[in-house]
Amino acid sequence: MLALLADECFKVQIQTGLRRRVPDIDLVSVQELDIRSLDDAAILERAALEKRVLLTHDVNTVPHFAFKRLEAGRPMPGVVVVPDQMAIGQAIEELVVLVELGTDQDVDLQVLHLPI
């Protein structure tokens, strides 16, 4: 099962829904880790250190920093961009499938955009 890190603006409703649907999910938020003050590059570094896929609604800066990590040859366990306007139920369903069926190799070095 994929380990996840939700960035600061990632909807709490989606996180709650994921925890309800997948009780043993390995999901933490930047708020829970008390790293909300870090910038996107530092959040990606923390995600890489902990081998966590970053969940975000940020379609601009997070992918930019993810690609910069890749260009520099740095580890990047993956980013999943969930459009902010996507229905919460749909986002939960798609993430449940990814978390339960996806492997680290499926998302490693990838920036995925939902819907997949």
PDB file of N, CA and C in Angstrom:
ATOM      1  N   MET A   1       0.847  -1.178   0.000  1.00  0.00           N
ATOM      2  CA  MET A   1       0.000   0.000   0.000  1.00  0.00           C
ATOM      3  C   MET A   1       0.893   1.241   0.000  1.00  0.00           C
ATOM      4  N   LEU A   2       0.506   2.234  -0.775  1.00  0.00           N
ATOM      5  CA  LEU A   2       1.282   3.457  -0.875  1.00  0.00           C
ATOM      6  C   LEU A   2       1.201   4.275   0.412  1.00  0.00           C
ATOM      7  N   ALA A   3       2.302   4.871   0.793  1.00  0.00           N
ATOM      8  CA  ALA A   3       2.340   5.821   1.898  1.00  0.00           C
ATOM      9  C   ALA A   3       2.115   7.212   1.313  1.00  0.00           C
ATOM     10  N   LEU A   4       1.297   8.016   1.974  1.00  0.00           N
ATOM     11  CA  LEU A   4       0.884   9.310   1.433  1.00  0.00           C
ATOM     12  C   LEU A   4       1.192  10.452   2.388  1.00  0.00           C
ATOM     13  N   LEU A   5       1.434  11.620   1.799  1.00  0.00           N
ATOM     14  CA  LEU A   5       1.575  12.872   2.532  1.00  0.00           C
ATOM     15  C   LEU A   5       0.664  13.895   1.860  1.00  0.00           C
ATOM     16  N   ALA A   6      -0.281  14.445   2.609  1.00  0.00           N
ATOM     17  CA  ALA A   6      -1.180  15.470   2.082  1.00  0.00           C
ATOM     18  C   ALA A   6      -0.576  16.842   2.362  1.00  0.00           C
ATOM     19  N   ASP A   7      -0.489  17.668   1.319  1.00  0.00           N
ATOM     20  CA  ASP A   7       0.075  18.993   1.540  1.00  0.00           C
ATOM     21  C   ASP A   7      -0.919  19.882   2.287  1.00  0.00           C
ATOM     22  N   GLU A   8      -0.480  21.087   2.582  1.00  0.00           N
ATOM     23  CA  GLU A   8      -1.231  21.967   3.480  1.00  0.00           C
ATOM     24  C   GLU A   8      -2.649  22.260   3.019  1.00  0.00           C
ATOM     25  N   CYS A   9      -2.857  22.416   1.739  1.00  0.00           N
ATOM     26  CA  CYS A   9      -4.176  22.804   1.233  1.00  0.00           C
ATOM     27  C   CYS A   9      -5.019  21.620   0.770  1.00  0.00           C
ATOM     28  N   PHE A  10      -4.513  20.401   0.936  1.00  0.00           N
ATOM     29  CA  PHE A  10      -5.268  19.247   0.464  1.00  0.00           C
ATOM     30  C   PHE A  10      -6.515  19.077   1.327  1.00  0.00           C
ATOM     31  N   LYS A  11      -7.656  18.937   0.682  1.00  0.00           N
ATOM     32  CA  LYS A  11      -8.944  18.947   1.385  1.00  0.00           C
ATOM     33  C   LYS A  11      -9.034  17.878   2.477  1.00  0.00           C
ATOM     34  N   VAL A  12      -9.383  18.346   3.663  1.00  0.00           N
ATOM     35  CA  VAL A  12      -9.541  17.466   4.815  1.00  0.00           C
ATOM     36  C   VAL A  12     -10.650  16.449   4.560  1.00  0.00           C
ATOM     37  N   GLN A  13     -11.682  16.841   3.815  1.00  0.00           N
ATOM     38  CA  GLN A  13     -12.789  15.915   3.526  1.00  0.00           C
ATOM     39  C   GLN A  13     -12.298  14.699   2.738  1.00  0.00           C
ATOM     40  N   ILE A  14     -11.352  14.908   1.833  1.00  0.00           N
ATOM     41  CA  ILE A  14     -10.801  13.794   1.065  1.00  0.00           C
ATOM     42  C   ILE A  14      -9.954  12.911   1.981  1.00  0.00           C
ATOM     43  N   GLN A  15      -9.155  13.525   2.831  1.00  0.00           N
ATOM     44  CA  GLN A  15      -8.339  12.761   3.772  1.00  0.00           C
ATOM     45  C   GLN A  15      -9.220  11.921   4.695  1.00  0.00           C
ATOM     46  N   THR A  16     -10.294  12.525   5.198  1.00  0.00           N
ATOM     47  CA  THR A  16     -11.215  11.817   6.086  1.00  0.00           C
ATOM     48  C   THR A  16     -11.877  10.652   5.353  1.00  0.00           C
ATOM     49  N   GLY A  17     -12.312  10.897   4.123  1.00  0.00           N
ATOM     50  CA  GLY A  17     -12.938   9.850   3.330  1.00  0.00           C
ATOM     51  C   GLY A  17     -11.985   8.699   3.051  1.00  0.00           C
ATOM     52  N   LEU A  18     -10.733   9.013   2.767  1.00  0.00           N
ATOM     53  CA  LEU A  18      -9.737   7.964   2.539  1.00  0.00           C
ATOM     54  C   LEU A  18      -9.529   7.128   3.794  1.00  0.00           C
ATOM     55  N   ARG A  19      -9.469   7.793   4.929  1.00  0.00           N
ATOM     56  CA  ARG A  19      -9.260   7.064   6.196  1.00  0.00           C
ATOM     57  C   ARG A  19     -10.454   6.175   6.529  1.00  0.00           C
ATOM     58  N   ARG A  20     -11.644   6.622   6.164  1.00  0.00           N
ATOM     59  CA  ARG A  20     -12.828   5.792   6.402  1.00  0.00           C
ATOM     60  C   ARG A  20     -12.857   4.583   5.470  1.00  0.00           C
ATOM     61  N   ARG A  21     -12.518   4.802   4.212  1.00  0.00           N
ATOM     62  CA  ARG A  21     -12.574   3.721   3.217  1.00  0.00           C
ATOM     63  C   ARG A  21     -11.433   2.731   3.372  1.00  0.00           C
ATOM     64  N   VAL A  22     -10.274   3.218   3.800  1.00  0.00           N
ATOM     65  CA  VAL A  22      -9.091   2.365   3.940  1.00  0.00           C
ATOM     66  C   VAL A  22      -8.531   2.590   5.352  1.00  0.00           C
ATOM     67  N   PRO A  23      -9.102   1.915   6.353  1.00  0.00           N
ATOM     68  CA  PRO A  23      -8.722   2.185   7.744  1.00  0.00           C
ATOM     69  C   PRO A  23      -7.231   2.040   8.051  1.00  0.00           C
ATOM     70  N   ASP A  24      -6.530   1.177   7.327  1.00  0.00           N
ATOM     71  CA  ASP A  24      -5.105   0.991   7.606  1.00  0.00           C
ATOM     72  C   ASP A  24      -4.210   1.833   6.688  1.00  0.00           C
ATOM     73  N   ILE A  25      -4.781   2.850   6.063  1.00  0.00           N
ATOM     74  CA  ILE A  25      -4.026   3.711   5.150  1.00  0.00           C
ATOM     75  C   ILE A  25      -2.892   4.411   5.900  1.00  0.00           C
ATOM     76  N   ASP A  26      -1.771   4.561   5.238  1.00  0.00           N
ATOM     77  CA  ASP A  26      -0.619   5.284   5.790  1.00  0.00           C
ATOM     78  C   ASP A  26      -0.644   6.689   5.191  1.00  0.00           C
ATOM     79  N   LEU A  27      -1.422   7.552   5.818  1.00  0.00           N
ATOM     80  CA  LEU A  27      -1.640   8.917   5.336  1.00  0.00           C
ATOM     81  C   LEU A  27      -1.385   9.887   6.471  1.00  0.00           C
ATOM     82  N   VAL A  28      -0.496  10.838   6.230  1.00  0.00           N
ATOM     83  CA  VAL A  28      -0.263  11.926   7.178  1.00  0.00           C
ATOM     84  C   VAL A  28      -0.350  13.233   6.413  1.00  0.00           C
ATOM     85  N   SER A  29      -0.622  14.282   7.135  1.00  0.00           N
ATOM     86  CA  SER A  29      -0.679  15.610   6.526  1.00  0.00           C
ATOM     87  C   SER A  29       0.488  16.446   7.030  1.00  0.00           C
ATOM     88  N   VAL A  30       0.786  17.512   6.302  1.00  0.00           N
ATOM     89  CA  VAL A  30       1.854  18.401   6.751  1.00  0.00           C
ATOM     90  C   VAL A  30       1.489  19.019   8.101  1.00  0.00           C
ATOM     91  N   GLN A  31       0.199  19.195   8.362  1.00  0.00           N
ATOM     92  CA  GLN A  31      -0.220  19.728   9.654  1.00  0.00           C
ATOM     93  C   GLN A  31       0.115  18.742  10.769  1.00  0.00           C
ATOM     94  N   GLU A  32      -0.139  17.447  10.530  1.00  0.00           N
ATOM     95  CA  GLU A  32       0.159  16.429  11.547  1.00  0.00           C
ATOM     96  C   GLU A  32       1.656  16.321  11.814  1.00  0.00           C
ATOM     97  N   LEU A  33       2.453  16.558  10.789  1.00  0.00           N
ATOM     98  CA  LEU A  33       3.913  16.501  10.940  1.00  0.00           C
ATOM     99  C   LEU A  33       4.494  17.834  11.407  1.00  0.00           C
ATOM    100  N   ASP A  34       3.628  18.840  11.520  1.00  0.00           N
ATOM    101  CA  ASP A  34       4.026  20.185  11.941  1.00  0.00           C
ATOM    102  C   ASP A  34       5.106  20.766  11.022  1.00  0.00           C
ATOM    103  N   ILE A  35       4.870  20.596   9.702  1.00  0.00           N
ATOM    104  CA  ILE A  35       5.812  21.144   8.716  1.00  0.00           C
ATOM    105  C   ILE A  35       5.093  22.066   7.729  1.00  0.00           C
ATOM    106  N   ARG A  36       3.951  22.588   8.147  1.00  0.00           N
ATOM    107  CA  ARG A  36       3.159  23.417   7.232  1.00  0.00           C
ATOM    108  C   ARG A  36       3.883  24.689   6.810  1.00  0.00           C
ATOM    109  N   SER A  37       4.872  25.124   7.563  1.00  0.00           N
ATOM    110  CA  SER A  37       5.584  26.353   7.213  1.00  0.00           C
ATOM    111  C   SER A  37       6.625  26.141   6.115  1.00  0.00           C
ATOM    112  N   LEU A  38       6.907  24.886   5.768  1.00  0.00           N
ATOM    113  CA  LEU A  38       7.907  24.615   4.734  1.00  0.00           C
ATOM    114  C   LEU A  38       7.371  24.942   3.346  1.00  0.00           C
ATOM    115  N   ASP A  39       8.274  25.325   2.447  1.00  0.00           N
ATOM    116  CA  ASP A  39       7.855  25.585   1.069  1.00  0.00           C
ATOM    117  C   ASP A  39       7.706  24.263   0.318  1.00  0.00           C
ATOM    118  N   ASP A  40       7.200  24.352  -0.911  1.00  0.00           N
ATOM    119  CA  ASP A  40       6.913  23.142  -1.693  1.00  0.00           C
ATOM    120  C   ASP A  40       8.145  22.278  -1.905  1.00  0.00           C
ATOM    121  N   ALA A  41       9.277  22.885  -2.176  1.00  0.00           N
ATOM    122  CA  ALA A  41      10.497  22.112  -2.402  1.00  0.00           C
ATOM    123  C   ALA A  41      10.871  21.320  -1.148  1.00  0.00           C
ATOM    124  N   ALA A  42      10.738  21.939   0.009  1.00  0.00           N
ATOM    125  CA  ALA A  42      11.065  21.261   1.265  1.00  0.00           C
ATOM    126  C   ALA A  42      10.045  20.170   1.594  1.00  0.00           C
ATOM    127  N   ILE A  43       8.774  20.393   1.249  1.00  0.00           N
ATOM    128  CA  ILE A  43       7.745  19.367   1.453  1.00  0.00           C
ATOM    129  C   ILE A  43       8.063  18.150   0.577  1.00  0.00           C
ATOM    130  N   LEU A  44       8.458  18.383  -0.666  1.00  0.00           N
ATOM    131  CA  LEU A  44       8.835  17.282  -1.554  1.00  0.00           C
ATOM    132  C   LEU A  44      10.064  16.539  -1.025  1.00  0.00           C
ATOM    133  N   GLU A  45      10.991  17.273  -0.445  1.00  0.00           N
ATOM    134  CA  GLU A  45      12.173  16.637   0.155  1.00  0.00           C
ATOM    135  C   GLU A  45      11.753  15.729   1.311  1.00  0.00           C
ATOM    136  N   ARG A  46      10.865  16.229   2.162  1.00  0.00           N
ATOM    137  CA  ARG A  46      10.376  15.415   3.291  1.00  0.00           C
ATOM    138  C   ARG A  46       9.638  14.177   2.787  1.00  0.00           C
ATOM    139  N   ALA A  47       8.801  14.361   1.766  1.00  0.00           N
ATOM    140  CA  ALA A  47       8.086  13.221   1.191  1.00  0.00           C
ATOM    141  C   ALA A  47       9.081  12.186   0.663  1.00  0.00           C
ATOM    142  N   ALA A  48      10.124  12.646   0.013  1.00  0.00           N
ATOM    143  CA  ALA A  48      11.133  11.725  -0.519  1.00  0.00           C
ATOM    144  C   ALA A  48      11.865  10.997   0.609  1.00  0.00           C
ATOM    145  N   LEU A  49      12.217  11.712   1.654  1.00  0.00           N
ATOM    146  CA  LEU A  49      12.914  11.087   2.783  1.00  0.00           C
ATOM    147  C   LEU A  49      12.071   9.996   3.429  1.00  0.00           C
ATOM    148  N   GLU A  50      10.756  10.218   3.477  1.00  0.00           N
ATOM    149  CA  GLU A  50       9.848   9.257   4.112  1.00  0.00           C
ATOM    150  C   GLU A  50       9.204   8.302   3.103  1.00  0.00           C
ATOM    151  N   LYS A  51       9.601   8.441   1.832  1.00  0.00           N
ATOM    152  CA  LYS A  51       9.054   7.605   0.753  1.00  0.00           C
ATOM    153  C   LYS A  51       7.528   7.668   0.713  1.00  0.00           C
ATOM    154  N   ARG A  52       7.020   8.897   0.726  1.00  0.00           N
ATOM    155  CA  ARG A  52       5.581   9.146   0.681  1.00  0.00           C
ATOM    156  C   ARG A  52       5.212   9.863  -0.612  1.00  0.00           C
ATOM    157  N   VAL A  53       4.116   9.457  -1.198  1.00  0.00           N
ATOM    158  CA  VAL A  53       3.569  10.121  -2.379  1.00  0.00           C
ATOM    159  C   VAL A  53       2.847  11.378  -1.887  1.00  0.00           C
ATOM    160  N   LEU A  54       3.140  12.498  -2.518  1.00  0.00           N
ATOM    161  CA  LEU A  54       2.530  13.758  -2.111  1.00  0.00           C
ATOM    162  C   LEU A  54       1.188  13.956  -2.802  1.00  0.00           C
ATOM    163  N   LEU A  55       0.155  14.233  -2.016  1.00  0.00           N
ATOM    164  CA  LEU A  55      -1.165  14.579  -2.536  1.00  0.00           C
ATOM    165  C   LEU A  55      -1.315  16.091  -2.504  1.00  0.00           C
ATOM    166  N   THR A  56      -1.762  16.665  -3.610  1.00  0.00           N
ATOM    167  CA  THR A  56      -1.886  18.114  -3.686  1.00  0.00           C
ATOM    168  C   THR A  56      -3.022  18.515  -4.613  1.00  0.00           C
ATOM    169  N   HIS A  57      -3.502  19.731  -4.425  1.00  0.00           N
ATOM    170  CA  HIS A  57      -4.431  20.349  -5.373  1.00  0.00           C
ATOM    171  C   HIS A  57      -3.688  21.382  -6.224  1.00  0.00           C
ATOM    172  N   ASP A  58      -2.443  21.638  -5.897  1.00  0.00           N
ATOM    173  CA  ASP A  58      -1.645  22.681  -6.537  1.00  0.00           C
ATOM    174  C   ASP A  58      -1.149  22.210  -7.907  1.00  0.00           C
ATOM    175  N   VAL A  59      -1.749  22.724  -8.963  1.00  0.00           N
ATOM    176  CA  VAL A  59      -1.370  22.308 -10.320  1.00  0.00           C
ATOM    177  C   VAL A  59      -0.184  23.088 -10.871  1.00  0.00           C
ATOM    178  N   ASN A  60       0.240  24.133 -10.173  1.00  0.00           N
ATOM    179  CA  ASN A  60       1.304  24.978 -10.700  1.00  0.00           C
ATOM    180  C   ASN A  60       2.655  24.745 -10.042  1.00  0.00           C
ATOM    181  N   THR A  61       2.771  25.054  -8.770  1.00  0.00           N
ATOM    182  CA  THR A  61       4.107  25.037  -8.166  1.00  0.00           C
ATOM    183  C   THR A  61       4.593  23.649  -7.773  1.00  0.00           C
ATOM    184  N   VAL A  62       3.734  22.786  -7.238  1.00  0.00           N
ATOM    185  CA  VAL A  62       4.209  21.460  -6.816  1.00  0.00           C
ATOM    186  C   VAL A  62       4.750  20.662  -8.005  1.00  0.00           C
ATOM    187  N   PRO A  63       4.021  20.550  -9.126  1.00  0.00           N
ATOM    188  CA  PRO A  63       4.614  19.828 -10.264  1.00  0.00           C
ATOM    189  C   PRO A  63       5.929  20.458 -10.739  1.00  0.00           C
ATOM    190  N   HIS A  64       6.004  21.779 -10.722  1.00  0.00           N
ATOM    191  CA  HIS A  64       7.231  22.474 -11.130  1.00  0.00           C
ATOM    192  C   HIS A  64       8.412  22.013 -10.274  1.00  0.00           C
ATOM    193  N   PHE A  65       8.226  22.025  -8.953  1.00  0.00           N
ATOM    194  CA  PHE A  65       9.310  21.605  -8.061  1.00  0.00           C
ATOM    195  C   PHE A  65       9.589  20.108  -8.186  1.00  0.00           C
ATOM    196  N   ALA A  66       8.564  19.315  -8.446  1.00  0.00           N
ATOM    197  CA  ALA A  66       8.761  17.876  -8.644  1.00  0.00           C
ATOM    198  C   ALA A  66       9.639  17.627  -9.871  1.00  0.00           C
ATOM    199  N   PHE A  67       9.341  18.335 -10.961  1.00  0.00           N
ATOM    200  CA  PHE A  67      10.143  18.164 -12.177  1.00  0.00           C
ATOM    201  C   PHE A  67      11.574  18.666 -11.975  1.00  0.00           C
ATOM    202  N   LYS A  68      11.752  19.719 -11.173  1.00  0.00           N
ATOM    203  CA  LYS A  68      13.105  20.189 -10.867  1.00  0.00           C
ATOM    204  C   LYS A  68      13.882  19.123 -10.101  1.00  0.00           C
ATOM    205  N   ARG A  69      13.209  18.419  -9.183  1.00  0.00           N
ATOM    206  CA  ARG A  69      13.863  17.324  -8.462  1.00  0.00           C
ATOM    207  C   ARG A  69      14.302  16.240  -9.439  1.00  0.00           C
ATOM    208  N   LEU A  70      13.410  15.906 -10.366  1.00  0.00           N
ATOM    209  CA  LEU A  70      13.735  14.869 -11.341  1.00  0.00           C
ATOM    210  C   LEU A  70      14.919  15.282 -12.209  1.00  0.00           C
ATOM    211  N   GLU A  71      14.920  16.532 -12.667  1.00  0.00           N
ATOM    212  CA  GLU A  71      16.023  17.030 -13.502  1.00  0.00           C
ATOM    213  C   GLU A  71      17.351  16.970 -12.760  1.00  0.00           C
ATOM    214  N   ALA A  72      17.294  17.162 -11.442  1.00  0.00           N
ATOM    215  CA  ALA A  72      18.510  17.137 -10.628  1.00  0.00           C
ATOM    216  C   ALA A  72      18.900  15.718 -10.220  1.00  0.00           C
ATOM    217  N   GLY A  73      18.100  14.722 -10.632  1.00  0.00           N
ATOM    218  CA  GLY A  73      18.398  13.344 -10.287  1.00  0.00           C
ATOM    219  C   GLY A  73      18.102  13.001  -8.839  1.00  0.00           C
ATOM    220  N   ARG A  74      17.245  13.777  -8.211  1.00  0.00           N
ATOM    221  CA  ARG A  74      16.892  13.557  -6.800  1.00  0.00           C
ATOM    222  C   ARG A  74      15.716  12.595  -6.712  1.00  0.00           C
ATOM    223  N   PRO A  75      15.597  11.850  -5.632  1.00  0.00           N
ATOM    224  CA  PRO A  75      14.464  10.927  -5.487  1.00  0.00           C
ATOM    225  C   PRO A  75      13.143  11.681  -5.369  1.00  0.00           C
ATOM    226  N   MET A  76      12.112  11.081  -5.931  1.00  0.00           N
ATOM    227  CA  MET A  76      10.780  11.684  -5.875  1.00  0.00           C
ATOM    228  C   MET A  76       9.772  10.546  -5.958  1.00  0.00           C
ATOM    229  N   PRO A  77       9.210  10.142  -4.794  1.00  0.00           N
ATOM    230  CA  PRO A  77       8.316   8.984  -4.782  1.00  0.00           C
ATOM    231  C   PRO A  77       6.979   9.204  -5.462  1.00  0.00           C
ATOM    232  N   GLY A  78       6.752  10.373  -5.988  1.00  0.00           N
ATOM    233  CA  GLY A  78       5.542  10.632  -6.752  1.00  0.00           C
ATOM    234  C   GLY A  78       4.700  11.751  -6.190  1.00  0.00           C
ATOM    235  N   VAL A  79       3.942  12.349  -7.093  1.00  0.00           N
ATOM    236  CA  VAL A  79       2.987  13.407  -6.752  1.00  0.00           C
ATOM    237  C   VAL A  79       1.681  13.049  -7.440  1.00  0.00           C
ATOM    238  N   VAL A  80       0.589  13.191  -6.716  1.00  0.00           N
ATOM    239  CA  VAL A  80      -0.737  13.024  -7.308  1.00  0.00           C
ATOM    240  C   VAL A  80      -1.457  14.350  -7.177  1.00  0.00           C
ATOM    241  N   VAL A  81      -1.778  14.941  -8.328  1.00  0.00           N
ATOM    242  CA  VAL A  81      -2.485  16.216  -8.369  1.00  0.00           C
ATOM    243  C   VAL A  81      -3.971  15.924  -8.541  1.00  0.00           C
ATOM    244  N   VAL A  82      -4.740  16.367  -7.573  1.00  0.00           N
ATOM    245  CA  VAL A  82      -6.192  16.203  -7.604  1.00  0.00           C
ATOM    246  C   VAL A  82      -6.787  17.572  -7.904  1.00  0.00           C
ATOM    247  N   PRO A  83      -7.482  17.729  -9.034  1.00  0.00           N
ATOM    248  CA  PRO A  83      -8.057  19.032  -9.343  1.00  0.00           C
ATOM    249  C   PRO A  83      -8.957  19.512  -8.204  1.00  0.00           C
ATOM    250  N   ASP A  84      -8.801  20.757  -7.842  1.00  0.00           N
ATOM    251  CA  ASP A  84      -9.569  21.332  -6.740  1.00  0.00           C
ATOM    252  C   ASP A  84     -11.071  21.249  -6.989  1.00  0.00           C
ATOM    253  N   GLN A  85     -11.486  21.298  -8.247  1.00  0.00           N
ATOM    254  CA  GLN A  85     -12.915  21.265  -8.579  1.00  0.00           C
ATOM    255  C   GLN A  85     -13.475  19.847  -8.689  1.00  0.00           C
ATOM    256  N   MET A  86     -12.616  18.812  -8.571  1.00  0.00           N
ATOM    257  CA  MET A  86     -13.103  17.435  -8.652  1.00  0.00           C
ATOM    258  C   MET A  86     -14.014  17.154  -7.456  1.00  0.00           C
ATOM    259  N   ALA A  87     -15.111  16.453  -7.716  1.00  0.00           N
ATOM    260  CA  ALA A  87     -16.027  16.086  -6.643  1.00  0.00           C
ATOM    261  C   ALA A  87     -15.281  15.267  -5.590  1.00  0.00           C
ATOM    262  N   ILE A  88     -15.569  15.531  -4.334  1.00  0.00           N
ATOM    263  CA  ILE A  88     -14.872  14.859  -3.240  1.00  0.00           C
ATOM    264  C   ILE A  88     -15.036  13.346  -3.332  1.00  0.00           C
ATOM    265  N   GLY A  89     -16.244  12.873  -3.601  1.00  0.00           N
ATOM    266  CA  GLY A  89     -16.475  11.433  -3.716  1.00  0.00           C
ATOM    267  C   GLY A  89     -15.650  10.807  -4.823  1.00  0.00           C
ATOM    268  N   GLN A  90     -15.566  11.480  -5.961  1.00  0.00           N
ATOM    269  CA  GLN A  90     -14.771  10.955  -7.073  1.00  0.00           C
ATOM    270  C   GLN A  90     -13.288  10.917  -6.703  1.00  0.00           C
ATOM    271  N   ALA A  91     -12.809  11.968  -6.061  1.00  0.00           N
ATOM    272  CA  ALA A  91     -11.401  12.002  -5.655  1.00  0.00           C
ATOM    273  C   ALA A  91     -11.095  10.856  -4.698  1.00  0.00           C
ATOM    274  N   ILE A  92     -11.991  10.622  -3.741  1.00  0.00           N
ATOM    275  CA  ILE A  92     -11.789   9.533  -2.787  1.00  0.00           C
ATOM    276  C   ILE A  92     -11.754   8.200  -3.516  1.00  0.00           C
ATOM    277  N   GLU A  93     -12.715   7.964  -4.406  1.00  0.00           N
ATOM    278  CA  GLU A  93     -12.772   6.693  -5.138  1.00  0.00           C
ATOM    279  C   GLU A  93     -11.498   6.455  -5.943  1.00  0.00           C
ATOM    280  N   GLU A  94     -11.041   7.467  -6.652  1.00  0.00           N
ATOM    281  CA  GLU A  94      -9.845   7.297  -7.481  1.00  0.00           C
ATOM    282  C   GLU A  94      -8.605   7.072  -6.628  1.00  0.00           C
ATOM    283  N   LEU A  95      -8.521   7.771  -5.514  1.00  0.00           N
ATOM    284  CA  LEU A  95      -7.364   7.593  -4.644  1.00  0.00           C
ATOM    285  C   LEU A  95      -7.388   6.238  -3.938  1.00  0.00           C
ATOM    286  N   VAL A  96      -8.570   5.750  -3.591  1.00  0.00           N
ATOM    287  CA  VAL A  96      -8.673   4.416  -2.984  1.00  0.00           C
ATOM    288  C   VAL A  96      -8.115   3.370  -3.948  1.00  0.00           C
ATOM    289  N   VAL A  97      -8.490   3.458  -5.197  1.00  0.00           N
ATOM    290  CA  VAL A  97      -7.978   2.507  -6.197  1.00  0.00           C
ATOM    291  C   VAL A  97      -6.461   2.621  -6.294  1.00  0.00           C
ATOM    292  N   LEU A  98      -5.953   3.832  -6.372  1.00  0.00           N
ATOM    293  CA  LEU A  98      -4.508   4.028  -6.485  1.00  0.00           C
ATOM    294  C   LEU A  98      -3.787   3.486  -5.259  1.00  0.00           C
ATOM    295  N   VAL A  99      -4.292   3.785  -4.075  1.00  0.00           N
ATOM    296  CA  VAL A  99      -3.648   3.361  -2.831  1.00  0.00           C
ATOM    297  C   VAL A  99      -3.688   1.840  -2.677  1.00  0.00           C
ATOM    298  N   GLU A 100      -4.829   1.240  -2.981  1.00  0.00           N
ATOM    299  CA  GLU A 100      -4.974  -0.198  -2.763  1.00  0.00           C
ATOM    300  C   GLU A 100      -4.330  -1.053  -3.852  1.00  0.00           C
ATOM    301  N   LEU A 101      -4.314  -0.554  -5.071  1.00  0.00           N
ATOM    302  CA  LEU A 101      -3.799  -1.360  -6.183  1.00  0.00           C
ATOM    303  C   LEU A 101      -2.450  -0.884  -6.706  1.00  0.00           C
ATOM    304  N   GLY A 102      -2.123   0.367  -6.438  1.00  0.00           N
ATOM    305  CA  GLY A 102      -0.868   0.920  -6.945  1.00  0.00           C
ATOM    306  C   GLY A 102       0.326   0.445  -6.147  1.00  0.00           C
ATOM    307  N   THR A 103       1.456   0.456  -6.811  1.00  0.00           N
ATOM    308  CA  THR A 103       2.716   0.117  -6.155  1.00  0.00           C
ATOM    309  C   THR A 103       3.633   1.329  -6.199  1.00  0.00           C
ATOM    310  N   ASP A 104       4.678   1.265  -5.405  1.00  0.00           N
ATOM    311  CA  ASP A 104       5.650   2.357  -5.413  1.00  0.00           C
ATOM    312  C   ASP A 104       6.197   2.593  -6.821  1.00  0.00           C
ATOM    313  N   GLN A 105       6.393   1.515  -7.579  1.00  0.00           N
ATOM    314  CA  GLN A 105       6.928   1.627  -8.939  1.00  0.00           C
ATOM    315  C   GLN A 105       5.947   2.331  -9.881  1.00  0.00           C
ATOM    316  N   ASP A 106       4.654   2.249  -9.589  1.00  0.00           N
ATOM    317  CA  ASP A 106       3.652   2.904 -10.437  1.00  0.00           C
ATOM    318  C   ASP A 106       3.732   4.424 -10.354  1.00  0.00           C
ATOM    319  N   VAL A 107       4.158   4.941  -9.221  1.00  0.00           N
ATOM    320  CA  VAL A 107       4.139   6.385  -9.015  1.00  0.00           C
ATOM    321  C   VAL A 107       5.526   7.001  -8.859  1.00  0.00           C
ATOM    322  N   ASP A 108       6.542   6.176  -8.636  1.00  0.00           N
ATOM    323  CA  ASP A 108       7.895   6.686  -8.453  1.00  0.00           C
ATOM    324  C   ASP A 108       8.315   7.533  -9.647  1.00  0.00           C
ATOM    325  N   LEU A 109       8.812   8.717  -9.356  1.00  0.00           N
ATOM    326  CA  LEU A 109       9.295   9.652 -10.376  1.00  0.00           C
ATOM    327  C   LEU A 109       8.186  10.161 -11.291  1.00  0.00           C
ATOM    328  N   GLN A 110       6.937  10.075 -10.859  1.00  0.00           N
ATOM    329  CA  GLN A 110       5.795  10.475 -11.684  1.00  0.00           C
ATOM    330  C   GLN A 110       5.032  11.637 -11.047  1.00  0.00           C
ATOM    331  N   VAL A 111       4.459  12.468 -11.889  1.00  0.00           N
ATOM    332  CA  VAL A 111       3.468  13.455 -11.471  1.00  0.00           C
ATOM    333  C   VAL A 111       2.180  13.044 -12.163  1.00  0.00           C
ATOM    334  N   LEU A 112       1.271  12.475 -11.402  1.00  0.00           N
ATOM    335  CA  LEU A 112       0.005  11.988 -11.938  1.00  0.00           C
ATOM    336  C   LEU A 112      -1.094  13.006 -11.682  1.00  0.00           C
ATOM    337  N   HIS A 113      -1.971  13.144 -12.637  1.00  0.00           N
ATOM    338  CA  HIS A 113      -3.112  14.042 -12.504  1.00  0.00           C
ATOM    339  C   HIS A 113      -4.396  13.203 -12.535  1.00  0.00           C
ATOM    340  N   LEU A 114      -5.245  13.401 -11.523  1.00  0.00           N
ATOM    341  CA  LEU A 114      -6.551  12.747 -11.543  1.00  0.00           C
ATOM    342  C   LEU A 114      -7.490  13.539 -12.442  1.00  0.00           C
ATOM    343  N   PRO A 115      -8.440  12.922 -13.107  1.00  0.00           N
ATOM    344  CA  PRO A 115      -8.680  11.477 -13.090  1.00  0.00           C
ATOM    345  C   PRO A 115      -7.642  10.746 -13.935  1.00  0.00           C
ATOM    346  N   ILE A 116      -7.359   9.519 -13.500  1.00  0.00           N
ATOM    347  CA  ILE A 116      -6.357   8.702 -14.198  1.00  0.00           C
ATOM    348  C   ILE A 116      -7.056   7.932 -15.310  1.00  0.00           C
TER     349      ILE A 116
END
